[in-house]
Every structure is written in structure tokens, then in C-alpha cells.
Amino acid sequence: MQDTQAEQSLQRITLTMVLLNAFTTPLMLSAVNVALPAIATDLSMHAVLLSWVPMAYLMASAMFVLIFGRIADMIGRKRLFLIGTVCVIVTSLIAAFAVNSTMLITARFLQGVSAAMLYATQVAIISSVFPPAKRGQAIGLTVSTIYLGLTIGPLIGGYAIDSFSWRASFMVHIPLAIIVLVVGSLFVKGEWSADERGSFDLFGAIIYAFSILMICVGVSWLPSSLSYIFLGLSVFGFMFFFLFERAHKHPILDVRLFFLNRVFTFSCLASLIMYTATFANVVQVSLYLQYLKGLSATTAGMIMMCQPLTMAIFSPLTGRLSDKFEPRHLATLGMFISACGLILLSNLRIESNLNFLIFSLVTTGFGFSLFSSPNVNAIMSSVEKPFYGSANGVMATMRIIGQMTSMVLVTLMFVIVIGSVEIQPSNYDALEKAIRLTFTVAAMLCLPGIYLSIARGRMHS
């Protein structure tokens, strides 16, 4: 009886630590998205360079999340989680006091490296502490808390930006991050790591990070001939990395999971597509509302809340439903509904009614909530306990690469339609065209995602 109580107490305090952190990082992330127009004005950043403010963060997270997933298995997931929390606090302060675009983008890159430690450990810690029967609900709460942070961020960020400056958007999460450190250091007892420590695959890590870097730089430098060389190096790097990891005894990415487990493989690919299609919504809507509609940061933040608020409300429910019903049915319906929302968003124009935008965001958010928690539950429940660290690393990688690719898509549209010029009233028509074109491509991406989601196979026997 005492063991059961101790186990439940550990579950509660660990979940509290993870949920607090799951709230703070998205809070900062979405607050910064509202600050983009103010940052562009203050630091004189053109459209393509401005897109690097969110993309540098996502690129760094994508480069390092797999690496930190493997390191967490070796040195302990809680330890790396707390180190990441400290690093996020420090890098946020550096970003807040950036004096030029180079310093800001560098700080954002370091922020992404720090956040990768958190992305690589959050769900792995939850999966280590909670038994399978309760895991879906715990994951649902975690996902819901992430969306709650994304919901509150635009509102708090918009108010802080209008009241102080864009620099405040990088500091709104710091007090809660300090609480996470206190809870994790003093109250969460124990540590979780892989049964076999193994060795670190340094060469594989370098190839993987290099490939991510090449694709981001290559897209930004389009249409120069050098950009195509970078993109080619990226494709070659990913192919070589996959073959190398398959033969490695202790890989940073256990690609064997993709060959042995259809549910795992298709669920991860569906996640990659979903995040690619939907993540950049908040960035584009922020630009649409503040540039094309002329709204204040606070007002724009209130409207931007609609999509993540919908996710936060429904994610716990869908997490519990996925413990009883097949995740593929819930996730497939969710992706279809999100595709419908993206189609609506692709019809946005300067003169569009704000109610139309709000309805489109709610539709997309509801679809995403139906997809996300069941899909995460399917991924983590499709592998055995020794593979929790690897599975969480792969899942986090798919999410981060999807988010990064979503911003790559935005950057590509800005390069093609707007070019390297500051956003001014004279090119608002081009901005509208770039936004609409991005949403159109995103909606089309959902079609293969729907197939992968429904074809993944059964999870429940």
C-alpha cells in the first residue's frame, strides 16, 4: 500500500514538473510570434531575415533533439531536463537584450538548442513514470498544457509588447521556469535512463545536424546556384545518415523501429506532415493581423488564441478516448478537419471578416486536437519500455522537423513572392499572396497524411 502511495505521489509531482515546463516554453514561443512586426521595425529586418527569428529556434531544436534524446538515455532524463531549463532561462535573457538582428538570431539558435533538451525528455519522463493504462491521459494533459501555453502566450505577449517592448516577450516565461527548477531539484526524486548506457554516436550526430542546417540555409538562399548545392548536400546527408544509423550499435536514431513497427512508422510520418501543415499558422496570422489588418499586438494576440485554445480544451478528452478507441480513427478525422480549416485560411484576403478568420482557426485547432494526443499515444504504446527514449526522440524529431519545415515553407514563399525587402504598405498585396499560397500548399500536404494515419494499423487488440 505504501509503495502504491509513493508511486502515485511520484507520478503527481513529476507530472507537475513536466506540465509547468510544457506551459512555459510554448508561452515564450507564441509570445515571440506576436512580436515579429515590432522586431522587424526596431531592428530593420527584411521579410526573409525576419522569418529566421522563428526558424533559427526551430532549426536548432531539430538539429539537437535527437542528440539530446540519446544523451538523456545515457546520463538521465531528469538531469538533462533540468539542464535544459537553466539554459532556456539564460538564452532568453540574451535574446531580450539583443542589439541587432545577428545577435537576436544567434540567441534564438541557442534558445532552440536549450529547448531541444526539454523536447527530448518531456514525454520520455512521463512514459517512464506512468503505466500504460494511465499514459494516454498523462500525455493528453501534457499536450493540452502545451496548447494552453500557446493560447496564453499571444495575449500576454501582445500586452507586454504594447506596454513595454518586444523584448518583454522573451522574459514572460522566466518566473515559471525558475519554479520548474525548484520542483525538479527538490521534490522529484529518482532518475530515469536506458537500461544499457552504450556509446554516443558522434559521427551520426554531426551528419544529422549538418543535413538540417543545409536545408534551412539552402531554402533561404534561393534562387542562387549555391542554394541548390546546399539542398543537394542535405538530401545526400539524410540518406547517408539513415544507412549509417541502421548499421550502428548505439545510434542516436534507432531506425530499426521504422522497419519493425508499422504503427510507429506511419504515426511518426503522419505527425511530421501535420506539424508541417499547421505550425506556421500562428506566424502567418500574426503578420496578417498586424500588417494587413493594422491591429495592435494585444488585439492580434487575442485572436491568435483561438486555435491553441481549442487544442487545449479538447486534447485531454482525445487523450482519454485514445486509451479506449483506435487512435488511427481519431487522428485521421482530426487531420481531415485540419485540412478543411487550412482550405478556409487559404482564402484569406485583406478585406476578409475577422469572424471568418476565427472560425478557420477554431476548425484547424479542433482537427489538430483530435490528431495530436491519440497520435502520441499510438507512438509511445507501439514500442516496448527499453525503447521509450528512442521513440520519444524520434517523435520529438518528427514534431520539430515538421515545425521547422513549416517555417521553411513560409520562408520559401517569402523568397518567391516578396523577396529580401522590408514589409511596407506598398508590398502588402505580395504579403497576402504569400500567406494564401502557403496555406494552400499546407492543405494539400494533409492528403498523404490522411492516408498514413488511417493505414497505420491497429493499436488496441
Protein backbone atom coordinates (compact mmCIF):
# COMPACT_ATOMS: atom_id res chain seq x y z
CA MET A 1 0.00 0.00 0.00
CA GLN A 2 2.83 2.37 0.91
CA ASP A 3 4.60 1.54 -2.33
CA THR A 4 1.45 2.38 -4.26
CA GLN A 5 1.08 5.71 -2.46
CA ALA A 6 4.73 6.55 -3.05
CA GLU A 7 4.35 5.68 -6.71
CA GLN A 8 1.26 7.85 -7.07
CA SER A 9 2.99 10.71 -5.24
CA LEU A 10 5.95 10.46 -7.62
CA GLN A 11 3.59 10.47 -10.58
CA ARG A 12 1.83 13.61 -9.34
CA ILE A 13 4.95 15.66 -8.63
CA THR A 14 6.68 14.53 -11.82
CA LEU A 15 3.61 15.40 -13.87
CA THR A 16 3.52 18.82 -12.16
CA MET A 17 7.15 19.46 -13.13
CA VAL A 18 6.59 18.41 -16.74
CA LEU A 19 3.31 20.32 -17.09
CA LEU A 20 4.84 23.55 -15.77
CA ASN A 21 7.63 23.25 -18.30
CA ALA A 22 5.23 22.22 -21.06
CA PHE A 23 3.45 25.52 -20.39
CA THR A 24 6.40 27.91 -20.13
CA THR A 25 8.30 27.14 -23.36
CA PRO A 26 5.26 27.45 -25.70
CA LEU A 27 4.26 30.59 -23.77
CA MET A 28 7.52 32.22 -24.82
CA LEU A 29 7.38 30.76 -28.32
CA SER A 30 3.92 32.12 -29.13
CA ALA A 31 4.61 35.47 -27.41
CA VAL A 32 7.62 36.00 -29.68
CA ASN A 33 5.49 35.28 -32.77
CA VAL A 34 3.32 38.28 -31.86
CA ALA A 35 6.46 40.41 -31.53
CA LEU A 36 7.70 39.80 -35.09
CA PRO A 37 6.39 43.05 -36.66
CA ALA A 38 7.82 45.11 -33.76
CA ILE A 39 11.16 43.30 -34.04
CA ALA A 40 11.27 43.93 -37.81
CA THR A 41 10.69 47.65 -37.29
CA ASP A 42 13.15 48.11 -34.41
CA LEU A 43 16.00 46.08 -35.93
CA SER A 44 15.27 46.94 -39.61
CA MET A 45 14.85 43.31 -40.72
CA HIS A 46 13.56 42.44 -44.20
CA ALA A 47 10.93 39.73 -44.76
CA VAL A 48 13.27 36.77 -45.34
CA LEU A 49 15.58 37.73 -42.45
CA LEU A 50 12.54 38.16 -40.18
CA SER A 51 11.48 34.58 -40.93
CA TRP A 52 14.78 33.45 -39.38
CA VAL A 53 13.69 34.69 -35.94
CA PRO A 54 11.35 31.68 -35.50
CA MET A 55 13.29 29.42 -37.91
CA ALA A 56 16.66 29.70 -36.12
CA TYR A 57 14.98 28.42 -32.96
CA LEU A 58 13.27 25.54 -34.78
CA MET A 59 16.36 24.66 -36.81
CA ALA A 60 18.47 24.35 -33.65
CA SER A 61 15.78 22.29 -31.93
CA ALA A 62 15.59 19.96 -34.93
CA MET A 63 19.39 19.65 -35.08
CA PHE A 64 19.79 18.70 -31.43
CA VAL A 65 16.61 16.97 -30.22
CA LEU A 66 17.76 13.52 -31.40
CA ILE A 67 21.21 14.09 -29.96
CA PHE A 68 19.80 15.05 -26.57
CA GLY A 69 17.35 12.15 -26.66
CA ARG A 70 20.32 9.78 -26.84
CA ILE A 71 22.29 11.72 -24.21
CA ALA A 72 19.25 11.63 -21.90
CA ASP A 73 19.17 7.84 -22.17
CA MET A 74 22.83 7.79 -21.15
CA ILE A 75 23.06 10.36 -18.33
CA GLY A 76 19.45 10.53 -17.10
CA ARG A 77 16.29 12.18 -18.46
CA LYS A 78 15.53 14.36 -15.43
CA ARG A 79 19.09 15.67 -15.28
CA LEU A 80 19.06 16.80 -18.90
CA PHE A 81 15.54 18.20 -18.45
CA LEU A 82 16.74 20.49 -15.63
CA ILE A 83 19.91 21.50 -17.51
CA GLY A 84 17.72 22.47 -20.48
CA THR A 85 15.50 24.59 -18.23
CA VAL A 86 18.50 26.56 -16.95
CA CYS A 87 19.81 27.09 -20.48
CA VAL A 88 16.43 28.33 -21.74
CA ILE A 89 16.37 30.98 -18.99
CA VAL A 90 19.88 32.21 -19.81
CA THR A 91 19.39 32.31 -23.60
CA SER A 92 16.04 34.07 -23.22
CA LEU A 93 17.76 36.90 -21.36
CA ILE A 94 20.39 37.13 -24.12
CA ALA A 95 17.64 37.38 -26.75
CA ALA A 96 15.78 40.01 -24.75
CA PHE A 97 18.82 42.32 -24.76
CA ALA A 98 19.86 41.74 -28.40
CA VAL A 99 21.05 44.97 -30.06
CA ASN A 100 20.94 43.81 -33.69
CA SER A 101 19.49 41.09 -35.90
CA THR A 102 22.66 38.96 -35.81
CA MET A 103 22.69 38.84 -32.01
CA LEU A 104 18.98 38.10 -31.87
CA ILE A 105 19.09 35.23 -34.38
CA THR A 106 22.15 33.77 -32.64
CA ALA A 107 20.34 33.92 -29.31
CA ARG A 108 17.30 32.26 -30.90
CA PHE A 109 19.54 29.46 -32.18
CA LEU A 110 20.92 28.93 -28.66
CA GLN A 111 17.37 29.02 -27.30
CA GLY A 112 16.47 26.24 -29.72
CA VAL A 113 19.44 24.15 -28.58
CA SER A 114 18.30 24.60 -24.97
CA ALA A 115 14.68 23.78 -25.75
CA ALA A 116 15.77 20.60 -27.55
CA MET A 117 16.82 19.21 -24.16
CA LEU A 118 13.24 19.67 -22.97
CA TYR A 119 11.58 18.32 -26.11
CA ALA A 120 13.78 15.23 -25.92
CA THR A 121 12.81 14.38 -22.34
CA GLN A 122 9.24 15.52 -21.54
CA VAL A 123 7.22 12.59 -22.88
CA ALA A 124 10.02 10.11 -22.09
CA ILE A 125 9.81 11.10 -18.41
CA ILE A 126 6.01 10.76 -18.46
CA SER A 127 6.27 7.34 -20.14
CA SER A 128 8.86 6.24 -17.58
CA VAL A 129 6.67 7.14 -14.61
CA PHE A 130 3.13 6.27 -15.74
CA PRO A 131 1.90 2.73 -16.55
CA PRO A 132 0.33 2.07 -19.98
CA ALA A 133 -3.24 2.27 -18.61
CA LYS A 134 -2.70 5.86 -17.44
CA ARG A 135 -0.19 7.02 -20.01
CA GLY A 136 -2.68 8.31 -22.58
CA GLN A 137 -4.35 10.59 -20.06
CA ALA A 138 -1.00 11.93 -18.80
CA ILE A 139 0.17 12.56 -22.35
CA GLY A 140 -3.15 14.26 -23.12
CA LEU A 141 -2.66 16.59 -20.15
CA THR A 142 0.87 17.36 -21.31
CA VAL A 143 -0.26 18.13 -24.85
CA SER A 144 -3.15 20.21 -23.51
CA THR A 145 -0.77 22.21 -21.31
CA ILE A 146 1.48 22.90 -24.29
CA TYR A 147 -1.52 24.31 -26.14
CA LEU A 148 -2.54 26.28 -23.06
CA GLY A 149 0.88 27.93 -23.18
CA LEU A 150 0.41 28.60 -26.89
CA THR A 151 -3.02 30.05 -26.04
CA ILE A 152 -1.94 32.40 -23.24
CA GLY A 153 1.30 33.42 -24.99
CA PRO A 154 -0.17 35.68 -27.68
CA LEU A 155 -2.35 37.51 -25.14
CA ILE A 156 0.38 38.02 -22.53
CA GLY A 157 2.96 38.67 -25.21
CA GLY A 158 0.77 41.20 -27.01
CA TYR A 159 0.06 43.08 -23.77
CA ALA A 160 3.76 43.03 -22.78
CA ILE A 161 4.81 44.27 -26.24
CA ASP A 162 2.27 47.13 -26.27
CA SER A 163 3.08 48.07 -22.65
CA PHE A 164 6.87 47.74 -22.76
CA SER A 165 8.56 46.49 -25.94
CA TRP A 166 9.16 43.33 -27.98
CA ARG A 167 11.98 42.46 -25.56
CA ALA A 168 9.45 41.62 -22.86
CA SER A 169 8.14 38.72 -24.97
CA PHE A 170 11.38 36.84 -24.28
CA MET A 171 11.03 37.18 -20.49
CA VAL A 172 7.38 36.43 -19.68
CA HIS A 173 8.09 32.73 -19.04
CA ILE A 174 11.17 33.07 -16.83
CA PRO A 175 9.44 33.14 -13.38
CA LEU A 176 7.63 29.85 -14.10
CA ALA A 177 10.82 28.28 -15.45
CA ILE A 178 12.51 29.04 -12.14
CA ILE A 179 9.66 27.24 -10.33
CA VAL A 180 10.25 24.21 -12.58
CA LEU A 181 13.87 24.15 -11.44
CA VAL A 182 12.87 24.24 -7.78
CA VAL A 183 10.26 21.48 -8.14
CA GLY A 184 12.53 19.24 -10.19
CA SER A 185 15.58 19.71 -7.99
CA LEU A 186 13.94 19.39 -4.57
CA PHE A 187 10.81 17.30 -4.94
CA VAL A 188 11.15 14.92 -7.90
CA LYS A 189 13.16 12.00 -6.53
CA GLY A 190 14.83 9.41 -8.70
CA GLU A 191 16.20 9.32 -12.22
CA TRP A 192 15.33 7.50 -15.45
CA SER A 193 17.70 6.34 -18.15
CA ALA A 194 18.17 3.45 -20.58
CA ASP A 195 18.99 0.01 -19.16
CA GLU A 196 22.12 -0.08 -21.31
CA ARG A 197 24.21 3.11 -21.42
CA GLY A 198 26.04 2.28 -24.65
CA SER A 199 28.25 4.75 -26.52
CA PHE A 200 27.47 8.08 -28.16
CA ASP A 201 27.26 8.16 -31.96
CA LEU A 202 29.22 11.38 -32.56
CA PHE A 203 29.65 10.94 -36.33
CA GLY A 204 25.94 10.26 -36.86
CA ALA A 205 25.08 13.31 -34.76
CA ILE A 206 27.33 15.55 -36.89
CA ILE A 207 25.88 14.25 -40.18
CA TYR A 208 22.32 14.71 -38.95
CA ALA A 209 22.87 18.28 -37.65
CA PHE A 210 24.73 19.21 -40.85
CA SER A 211 21.84 17.97 -43.02
CA ILE A 212 19.31 20.04 -41.08
CA LEU A 213 21.50 23.14 -41.38
CA MET A 214 21.94 22.69 -45.13
CA ILE A 215 18.22 22.51 -45.90
CA CYS A 216 17.43 25.68 -43.93
CA VAL A 217 20.29 27.72 -45.39
CA GLY A 218 19.61 26.34 -48.88
CA VAL A 219 15.98 27.49 -48.88
CA SER A 220 16.89 30.95 -47.56
CA TRP A 221 19.46 31.47 -50.32
CA LEU A 222 17.14 30.58 -53.18
CA PRO A 223 17.29 31.15 -56.12
CA SER A 224 21.13 31.35 -56.09
CA SER A 225 23.02 28.39 -57.57
CA LEU A 226 24.75 27.82 -54.22
CA SER A 227 21.38 27.13 -52.59
CA TYR A 228 20.83 24.09 -54.82
CA ILE A 229 24.23 22.73 -53.78
CA PHE A 230 23.22 23.09 -50.12
CA LEU A 231 19.87 21.38 -50.72
CA GLY A 232 21.63 18.54 -52.56
CA LEU A 233 24.08 18.13 -49.67
CA SER A 234 21.11 17.97 -47.30
CA VAL A 235 19.41 15.16 -49.25
CA PHE A 236 22.67 13.22 -49.53
CA GLY A 237 23.36 13.76 -45.82
CA PHE A 238 19.98 12.40 -44.74
CA MET A 239 20.37 9.33 -46.95
CA PHE A 240 23.86 8.61 -45.63
CA PHE A 241 22.72 9.23 -42.04
CA PHE A 242 19.86 6.74 -42.36
CA LEU A 243 22.12 3.99 -43.75
CA PHE A 244 24.83 4.71 -41.16
CA GLU A 245 22.39 4.62 -38.22
CA ARG A 246 20.93 1.31 -39.37
CA ALA A 247 24.34 -0.32 -39.01
CA HIS A 248 25.40 1.42 -35.78
CA LYS A 249 25.23 -0.48 -32.48
CA HIS A 250 24.17 2.56 -30.44
CA PRO A 251 22.58 5.03 -32.91
CA ILE A 252 21.15 8.41 -31.96
CA LEU A 253 18.17 7.42 -34.12
CA ASP A 254 17.15 3.78 -33.90
CA VAL A 255 15.93 3.40 -37.48
CA ARG A 256 15.17 -0.28 -36.83
CA LEU A 257 11.89 0.92 -35.31
CA PHE A 258 10.81 2.08 -38.75
CA PHE A 259 11.37 -1.38 -40.26
CA LEU A 260 9.83 -3.45 -37.48
CA ASN A 261 6.80 -1.40 -36.49
CA ARG A 262 4.20 -0.16 -38.99
CA VAL A 263 2.12 1.67 -36.36
CA PHE A 264 5.21 3.54 -35.16
CA THR A 265 6.44 4.40 -38.66
CA PHE A 266 3.16 5.66 -40.09
CA SER A 267 2.29 7.55 -36.89
CA CYS A 268 5.64 9.38 -36.97
CA LEU A 269 5.28 10.28 -40.65
CA ALA A 270 1.71 11.49 -40.09
CA SER A 271 2.98 13.68 -37.24
CA LEU A 272 5.69 15.13 -39.48
CA ILE A 273 3.09 16.10 -42.10
CA MET A 274 0.62 17.52 -39.59
CA TYR A 275 3.15 19.83 -37.99
CA THR A 276 4.48 20.89 -41.39
CA ALA A 277 0.96 21.82 -42.47
CA THR A 278 -0.17 23.69 -39.36
CA PHE A 279 2.70 25.09 -37.28
CA ALA A 280 3.33 28.28 -39.26
CA ASN A 281 -0.33 29.32 -38.85
CA VAL A 282 0.49 31.49 -35.84
CA VAL A 283 3.33 33.29 -37.60
CA GLN A 284 1.27 34.00 -40.70
CA VAL A 285 -1.81 35.07 -38.75
CA SER A 286 0.35 37.42 -36.66
CA LEU A 287 1.69 39.09 -39.80
CA TYR A 288 -1.78 39.16 -41.39
CA LEU A 289 -3.44 40.82 -38.40
CA GLN A 290 -0.74 43.39 -37.59
CA TYR A 291 0.32 44.31 -41.12
CA LEU A 292 -2.71 43.76 -43.35
CA LYS A 293 -5.41 44.47 -40.74
CA GLY A 294 -3.43 47.10 -38.79
CA LEU A 295 -4.34 45.66 -35.39
CA SER A 296 -2.33 46.15 -32.19
CA ALA A 297 -0.21 43.35 -30.77
CA THR A 298 -2.69 42.83 -27.91
CA THR A 299 -5.71 42.57 -30.21
CA ALA A 300 -3.83 40.29 -32.61
CA GLY A 301 -2.80 38.12 -29.67
CA MET A 302 -6.41 37.72 -28.53
CA ILE A 303 -7.46 36.49 -31.99
CA MET A 304 -4.42 34.21 -32.31
CA MET A 305 -5.52 32.49 -29.08
CA CYS A 306 -8.43 30.82 -30.85
CA GLN A 307 -6.52 27.92 -32.42
CA PRO A 308 -4.35 26.86 -29.43
CA LEU A 309 -7.26 27.43 -27.00
CA THR A 310 -9.34 24.95 -28.99
CA MET A 311 -6.42 22.49 -28.83
CA ALA A 312 -6.06 22.95 -25.07
CA ILE A 313 -9.76 22.31 -24.45
CA PHE A 314 -10.09 19.12 -26.47
CA SER A 315 -6.65 17.46 -26.16
CA PRO A 316 -7.26 15.87 -22.70
CA LEU A 317 -10.53 14.37 -23.95
CA THR A 318 -8.96 12.91 -27.07
CA GLY A 319 -6.08 11.54 -25.00
CA ARG A 320 -8.53 9.60 -22.81
CA LEU A 321 -10.54 8.47 -25.84
CA SER A 322 -7.38 7.03 -27.41
CA ASP A 323 -7.00 4.69 -24.42
CA LYS A 324 -10.34 3.12 -25.38
CA PHE A 325 -10.74 3.65 -29.13
CA GLU A 326 -8.38 3.18 -32.04
CA PRO A 327 -6.08 6.23 -32.29
CA ARG A 328 -5.95 5.97 -36.09
CA HIS A 329 -9.67 6.76 -36.43
CA LEU A 330 -9.49 9.80 -34.15
CA ALA A 331 -6.23 11.04 -35.70
CA THR A 332 -7.41 10.60 -39.30
CA LEU A 333 -10.62 12.53 -38.63
CA GLY A 334 -8.53 15.22 -36.98
CA MET A 335 -6.21 15.61 -39.94
CA PHE A 336 -9.17 15.83 -42.33
CA ILE A 337 -10.79 18.58 -40.25
CA SER A 338 -7.49 20.48 -40.06
CA ALA A 339 -7.19 20.26 -43.85
CA CYS A 340 -10.64 21.87 -44.13
CA GLY A 341 -9.51 24.67 -41.81
CA LEU A 342 -6.39 25.26 -43.90
CA ILE A 343 -8.51 25.45 -47.06
CA LEU A 344 -10.56 28.16 -45.38
CA LEU A 345 -7.39 30.03 -44.37
CA SER A 346 -6.10 29.85 -47.95
CA ASN A 347 -9.00 32.13 -48.91
CA LEU A 348 -7.97 34.93 -46.54
CA ARG A 349 -7.83 38.37 -48.10
CA ILE A 350 -7.11 41.83 -46.76
CA GLU A 351 -10.84 42.61 -46.68
CA SER A 352 -11.87 39.28 -45.08
CA ASN A 353 -14.07 39.44 -41.99
CA LEU A 354 -12.33 38.61 -38.71
CA ASN A 355 -15.13 36.16 -37.82
CA PHE A 356 -14.16 34.13 -40.88
CA LEU A 357 -10.54 34.01 -39.64
CA ILE A 358 -11.62 32.99 -36.14
CA PHE A 359 -13.85 30.19 -37.47
CA SER A 360 -10.99 28.94 -39.67
CA LEU A 361 -8.57 28.90 -36.72
CA VAL A 362 -11.05 27.07 -34.46
CA THR A 363 -11.66 24.46 -37.17
CA THR A 364 -7.93 23.86 -37.64
CA GLY A 365 -7.36 23.73 -33.88
CA PHE A 366 -10.17 21.23 -33.30
CA GLY A 367 -8.78 18.97 -36.00
CA PHE A 368 -5.30 19.17 -34.52
CA SER A 369 -6.57 18.26 -31.04
CA LEU A 370 -8.27 15.17 -32.46
CA PHE A 371 -4.99 14.19 -34.11
CA SER A 372 -2.24 15.03 -31.64
CA SER A 373 -2.87 13.17 -28.35
CA PRO A 374 -4.08 9.92 -30.00
CA ASN A 375 -1.10 10.00 -32.35
CA VAL A 376 1.39 10.46 -29.49
CA ASN A 377 -0.29 7.65 -27.55
CA ALA A 378 -0.05 5.38 -30.60
CA ILE A 379 3.67 6.10 -30.99
CA MET A 380 4.63 5.52 -27.35
CA SER A 381 2.36 2.47 -26.94
CA SER A 382 3.70 0.79 -30.08
CA VAL A 383 7.17 0.23 -28.56
CA GLU A 384 8.49 -1.66 -25.55
CA LYS A 385 9.79 0.15 -22.44
CA PRO A 386 13.52 -0.11 -23.37
CA PHE A 387 12.75 1.93 -26.50
CA TYR A 388 10.88 4.78 -24.75
CA GLY A 389 13.88 7.12 -25.01
CA SER A 390 14.46 6.37 -28.69
CA ALA A 391 10.74 6.57 -29.50
CA ASN A 392 10.39 9.90 -27.71
CA GLY A 393 13.46 11.19 -29.54
CA VAL A 394 12.04 10.14 -32.90
CA MET A 395 8.63 11.60 -32.06
CA ALA A 396 10.11 14.90 -30.90
CA THR A 397 12.29 14.96 -34.02
CA MET A 398 9.29 14.48 -36.29
CA ARG A 399 7.47 17.29 -34.49
CA ILE A 400 10.40 19.71 -34.56
CA ILE A 401 11.37 18.90 -38.16
CA GLY A 402 7.71 19.37 -39.09
CA GLN A 403 7.64 22.76 -37.36
CA MET A 404 10.92 23.72 -38.97
CA THR A 405 9.71 22.59 -42.40
CA SER A 406 6.57 24.65 -41.88
CA MET A 407 8.74 27.74 -41.38
CA VAL A 408 10.91 26.68 -44.33
CA LEU A 409 7.72 26.71 -46.40
CA VAL A 410 6.92 30.24 -45.21
CA THR A 411 10.47 31.39 -45.94
CA LEU A 412 10.29 29.86 -49.41
CA MET A 413 7.04 31.69 -50.16
CA PHE A 414 8.54 34.97 -48.88
CA VAL A 415 11.62 34.45 -51.09
CA ILE A 416 9.49 33.72 -54.17
CA VAL A 417 6.68 36.24 -53.70
CA ILE A 418 8.08 39.12 -51.59
CA GLY A 419 11.89 38.93 -51.74
CA SER A 420 14.51 40.44 -49.42
CA VAL A 421 12.71 43.73 -48.75
CA GLU A 422 11.12 45.20 -45.64
CA ILE A 423 7.36 44.70 -45.40
CA GLN A 424 5.72 48.01 -46.32
CA PRO A 425 2.20 49.05 -47.42
CA SER A 426 3.49 49.03 -51.00
CA ASN A 427 4.01 45.23 -50.87
CA TYR A 428 1.01 44.24 -48.73
CA ASP A 429 -0.57 42.59 -51.79
CA ALA A 430 2.51 40.38 -52.11
CA LEU A 431 2.34 39.50 -48.40
CA GLU A 432 -1.32 38.49 -48.78
CA LYS A 433 -0.44 36.33 -51.78
CA ALA A 434 2.43 34.64 -49.91
CA ILE A 435 0.18 33.86 -46.93
CA ARG A 436 -2.61 32.44 -49.08
CA LEU A 437 -0.19 30.35 -51.15
CA THR A 438 1.40 28.88 -48.02
CA PHE A 439 -1.98 27.83 -46.62
CA THR A 440 -2.89 26.25 -49.97
CA VAL A 441 0.26 24.12 -50.04
CA ALA A 442 -0.28 23.19 -46.38
CA ALA A 443 -3.81 21.93 -47.08
CA MET A 444 -2.53 19.78 -49.95
CA LEU A 445 0.11 18.24 -47.66
CA CYS A 446 -2.66 16.80 -45.48
CA LEU A 447 -3.74 14.37 -48.23
CA PRO A 448 -0.81 11.94 -47.84
CA GLY A 449 -1.05 12.49 -44.08
CA ILE A 450 -4.64 11.24 -44.06
CA TYR A 451 -3.57 8.07 -45.88
CA LEU A 452 -0.68 7.40 -43.48
CA SER A 453 -2.91 7.97 -40.47
CA ILE A 454 -5.66 5.55 -41.49
CA ALA A 455 -3.25 2.92 -42.88
CA ARG A 456 -1.06 2.72 -39.76
CA GLY A 457 -2.86 -0.37 -38.37
CA ARG A 458 -4.47 -1.23 -35.05
CA MET A 459 -3.04 -0.38 -31.65
CA HIS A 460 -5.67 -1.98 -29.40
CA SER A 461 -6.08 -5.74 -29.64
